[in-house]
């Protein structure tokens, strides 16, 4: 039987974590986190370090995060308020404020986002 063990702490958000997703790509384990501080961060788990920060809105809590797979593996979706913002992780900036695309089609808060290929 395998037991889970604490392997470290990732520090960087200034608010409670509201969204978290795990991914493995290119032999690297990643975490994507969203917070009440309005930021989403992409973490390299083995280095225990945030490698990217996404700021979709100056004053909105992140409600959901997800990463693409297969053909869309370079996309991240971040939900806040009534908006879903798509970010391209190939953008070399360490801090990204401008989404590649944003959709504000909802009247109520977006609570979950998923990216899939149809």
C-alpha atoms as a PDB file:
ATOM      1  CA  UNK A   1       0.000   0.000   0.000  1.00  0.00           C
ATOM      2  CA  UNK A   2       1.331   3.418  -0.986  1.00  0.00           C
ATOM      3  CA  UNK A   3       1.136   6.244   1.533  1.00  0.00           C
ATOM      4  CA  UNK A   4       0.986   9.925   0.716  1.00  0.00           C
ATOM      5  CA  UNK A   5       3.574  12.074   2.397  1.00  0.00           C
ATOM      6  CA  UNK A   6       4.132  15.803   2.643  1.00  0.00           C
ATOM      7  CA  UNK A   7       6.940  16.748   0.261  1.00  0.00           C
ATOM      8  CA  UNK A   8       7.016  20.520   0.623  1.00  0.00           C
ATOM      9  CA  UNK A   9       5.059  23.739   0.530  1.00  0.00           C
ATOM     10  CA  UNK A  10       4.478  26.000  -2.443  1.00  0.00           C
ATOM     11  CA  UNK A  11       4.349  29.645  -1.426  1.00  0.00           C
ATOM     12  CA  UNK A  12       3.284  32.594  -3.535  1.00  0.00           C
ATOM     13  CA  UNK A  13      -0.432  33.345  -3.293  1.00  0.00           C
ATOM     14  CA  UNK A  14      -1.643  36.065  -0.942  1.00  0.00           C
ATOM     15  CA  UNK A  15      -5.153  34.640  -0.606  1.00  0.00           C
ATOM     16  CA  UNK A  16      -6.837  31.299  -0.098  1.00  0.00           C
ATOM     17  CA  UNK A  17      -6.429  28.738  -2.881  1.00  0.00           C
ATOM     18  CA  UNK A  18      -9.765  28.347  -4.683  1.00  0.00           C
ATOM     19  CA  UNK A  19      -8.754  26.105  -7.617  1.00  0.00           C
ATOM     20  CA  UNK A  20      -6.071  23.481  -8.208  1.00  0.00           C
ATOM     21  CA  UNK A  21      -5.226  21.141 -11.099  1.00  0.00           C
ATOM     22  CA  UNK A  22      -2.367  18.674 -11.664  1.00  0.00           C
ATOM     23  CA  UNK A  23      -0.724  17.872 -15.005  1.00  0.00           C
ATOM     24  CA  UNK A  24       2.287  15.963 -16.255  1.00  0.00           C
ATOM     25  CA  UNK A  25       3.881  17.148 -19.486  1.00  0.00           C
ATOM     26  CA  UNK A  26       7.301  16.431 -20.921  1.00  0.00           C
ATOM     27  CA  UNK A  27       8.338  14.444 -17.861  1.00  0.00           C
ATOM     28  CA  UNK A  28       7.591  17.381 -15.536  1.00  0.00           C
ATOM     29  CA  UNK A  29       4.864  17.463 -12.894  1.00  0.00           C
ATOM     30  CA  UNK A  30       2.910  20.711 -12.864  1.00  0.00           C
ATOM     31  CA  UNK A  31       0.294  22.278 -10.617  1.00  0.00           C
ATOM     32  CA  UNK A  32      -1.968  25.085 -11.746  1.00  0.00           C
ATOM     33  CA  UNK A  33      -3.453  27.057  -8.868  1.00  0.00           C
ATOM     34  CA  UNK A  34      -5.991  29.858  -8.610  1.00  0.00           C
ATOM     35  CA  UNK A  35      -6.586  32.077  -5.623  1.00  0.00           C
ATOM     36  CA  UNK A  36      -8.724  34.710  -3.981  1.00  0.00           C
ATOM     37  CA  UNK A  37      -5.822  37.080  -4.712  1.00  0.00           C
ATOM     38  CA  UNK A  38      -6.895  37.106  -8.390  1.00  0.00           C
ATOM     39  CA  UNK A  39      -3.822  35.279  -9.651  1.00  0.00           C
ATOM     40  CA  UNK A  40      -3.282  31.884 -11.234  1.00  0.00           C
ATOM     41  CA  UNK A  41       0.157  30.312 -10.952  1.00  0.00           C
ATOM     42  CA  UNK A  42       1.834  27.476 -12.821  1.00  0.00           C
ATOM     43  CA  UNK A  43       4.161  25.499 -10.536  1.00  0.00           C
ATOM     44  CA  UNK A  44       7.029  23.146 -11.317  1.00  0.00           C
ATOM     45  CA  UNK A  45       6.385  20.581  -8.567  1.00  0.00           C
ATOM     46  CA  UNK A  46       9.885  19.070  -8.432  1.00  0.00           C
ATOM     47  CA  UNK A  47      11.509  22.503  -8.118  1.00  0.00           C
ATOM     48  CA  UNK A  48       8.751  23.708  -5.739  1.00  0.00           C
ATOM     49  CA  UNK A  49       8.678  26.960  -7.667  1.00  0.00           C
ATOM     50  CA  UNK A  50       6.126  29.078  -9.493  1.00  0.00           C
ATOM     51  CA  UNK A  51       7.309  29.411 -13.084  1.00  0.00           C
ATOM     52  CA  UNK A  52       4.455  31.569 -14.434  1.00  0.00           C
ATOM     53  CA  UNK A  53       1.841  33.937 -13.050  1.00  0.00           C
ATOM     54  CA  UNK A  54      -1.408  34.857 -14.817  1.00  0.00           C
ATOM     55  CA  UNK A  55      -3.434  37.960 -13.892  1.00  0.00           C
ATOM     56  CA  UNK A  56      -6.734  37.789 -15.781  1.00  0.00           C
ATOM     57  CA  UNK A  57      -8.424  40.515 -13.710  1.00  0.00           C
ATOM     58  CA  UNK A  58      -7.201  43.079 -11.200  1.00  0.00           C
ATOM     59  CA  UNK A  59      -9.956  42.516  -8.685  1.00  0.00           C
ATOM     60  CA  UNK A  60     -11.609  39.114  -9.191  1.00  0.00           C
ATOM     61  CA  UNK A  61     -11.211  35.836  -7.332  1.00  0.00           C
ATOM     62  CA  UNK A  62     -10.219  32.874  -9.504  1.00  0.00           C
ATOM     63  CA  UNK A  63     -12.974  30.236  -9.363  1.00  0.00           C
ATOM     64  CA  UNK A  64     -11.560  27.503 -11.622  1.00  0.00           C
ATOM     65  CA  UNK A  65      -8.407  26.620 -13.568  1.00  0.00           C
ATOM     66  CA  UNK A  66      -7.547  23.930 -16.084  1.00  0.00           C
ATOM     67  CA  UNK A  67      -4.914  23.043 -18.642  1.00  0.00           C
ATOM     68  CA  UNK A  68      -5.378  21.687 -22.116  1.00  0.00           C
ATOM     69  CA  UNK A  69      -4.361  18.210 -23.250  1.00  0.00           C
ATOM     70  CA  UNK A  70      -3.150  16.739 -26.528  1.00  0.00           C
ATOM     71  CA  UNK A  71      -3.560  19.284 -29.354  1.00  0.00           C
ATOM     72  CA  UNK A  72      -4.407  22.125 -26.963  1.00  0.00           C
ATOM     73  CA  UNK A  73      -1.817  21.353 -24.272  1.00  0.00           C
ATOM     74  CA  UNK A  74      -0.409  24.887 -24.474  1.00  0.00           C
ATOM     75  CA  UNK A  75      -3.684  26.464 -23.318  1.00  0.00           C
ATOM     76  CA  UNK A  76      -4.814  27.311 -19.814  1.00  0.00           C
ATOM     77  CA  UNK A  77      -8.384  28.282 -18.971  1.00  0.00           C
ATOM     78  CA  UNK A  78      -8.993  30.507 -15.975  1.00  0.00           C
ATOM     79  CA  UNK A  79     -12.490  31.379 -14.727  1.00  0.00           C
ATOM     80  CA  UNK A  80     -13.346  34.455 -12.679  1.00  0.00           C
ATOM     81  CA  UNK A  81     -16.681  36.177 -12.125  1.00  0.00           C
ATOM     82  CA  UNK A  82     -18.688  35.533 -15.318  1.00  0.00           C
ATOM     83  CA  UNK A  83     -15.624  35.258 -17.564  1.00  0.00           C
ATOM     84  CA  UNK A  84     -13.410  32.481 -18.899  1.00  0.00           C
ATOM     85  CA  UNK A  85      -9.961  33.608 -20.081  1.00  0.00           C
ATOM     86  CA  UNK A  86      -7.651  31.467 -22.230  1.00  0.00           C
ATOM     87  CA  UNK A  87      -3.887  31.897 -21.897  1.00  0.00           C
ATOM     88  CA  UNK A  88      -1.172  30.489 -24.167  1.00  0.00           C
ATOM     89  CA  UNK A  89       1.681  29.172 -22.010  1.00  0.00           C
ATOM     90  CA  UNK A  90       4.084  29.505 -24.957  1.00  0.00           C
ATOM     91  CA  UNK A  91       4.063  33.269 -24.286  1.00  0.00           C
ATOM     92  CA  UNK A  92       7.525  33.799 -22.746  1.00  0.00           C
ATOM     93  CA  UNK A  93       6.455  36.436 -20.187  1.00  0.00           C
ATOM     94  CA  UNK A  94       6.829  35.370 -16.552  1.00  0.00           C
ATOM     95  CA  UNK A  95       3.759  37.440 -15.646  1.00  0.00           C
ATOM     96  CA  UNK A  96       0.930  37.465 -18.193  1.00  0.00           C
ATOM     97  CA  UNK A  97      -1.838  40.036 -17.878  1.00  0.00           C
ATOM     98  CA  UNK A  98      -3.453  39.738 -21.303  1.00  0.00           C
ATOM     99  CA  UNK A  99      -5.418  36.622 -22.187  1.00  0.00           C
ATOM    100  CA  UNK A 100      -5.217  35.202 -25.712  1.00  0.00           C
ATOM    101  CA  UNK A 101      -9.047  35.117 -25.661  1.00  0.00           C
ATOM    102  CA  UNK A 102     -11.771  35.952 -23.139  1.00  0.00           C
ATOM    103  CA  UNK A 103     -15.418  34.952 -23.072  1.00  0.00           C
ATOM    104  CA  UNK A 104     -18.016  36.733 -20.944  1.00  0.00           C
ATOM    105  CA  UNK A 105     -21.165  34.901 -21.974  1.00  0.00           C
ATOM    106  CA  UNK A 106     -22.640  34.055 -18.595  1.00  0.00           C
ATOM    107  CA  UNK A 107     -24.944  35.926 -16.259  1.00  0.00           C
ATOM    108  CA  UNK A 108     -23.870  33.911 -13.228  1.00  0.00           C
ATOM    109  CA  UNK A 109     -20.423  33.112 -11.872  1.00  0.00           C
ATOM    110  CA  UNK A 110     -18.442  30.440 -13.736  1.00  0.00           C
ATOM    111  CA  UNK A 111     -17.554  27.693 -11.236  1.00  0.00           C
ATOM    112  CA  UNK A 112     -15.789  25.113 -13.431  1.00  0.00           C
ATOM    113  CA  UNK A 113     -13.832  25.113 -16.685  1.00  0.00           C
ATOM    114  CA  UNK A 114     -12.505  22.233 -18.803  1.00  0.00           C
ATOM    115  CA  UNK A 115     -10.643  22.193 -22.113  1.00  0.00           C
ATOM    116  CA  UNK A 116     -11.179  19.285 -24.481  1.00  0.00           C
ATOM    117  CA  UNK A 117     -10.732  18.485 -28.159  1.00  0.00           C
ATOM    118  CA  UNK A 118     -13.958  17.657 -29.966  1.00  0.00           C
END
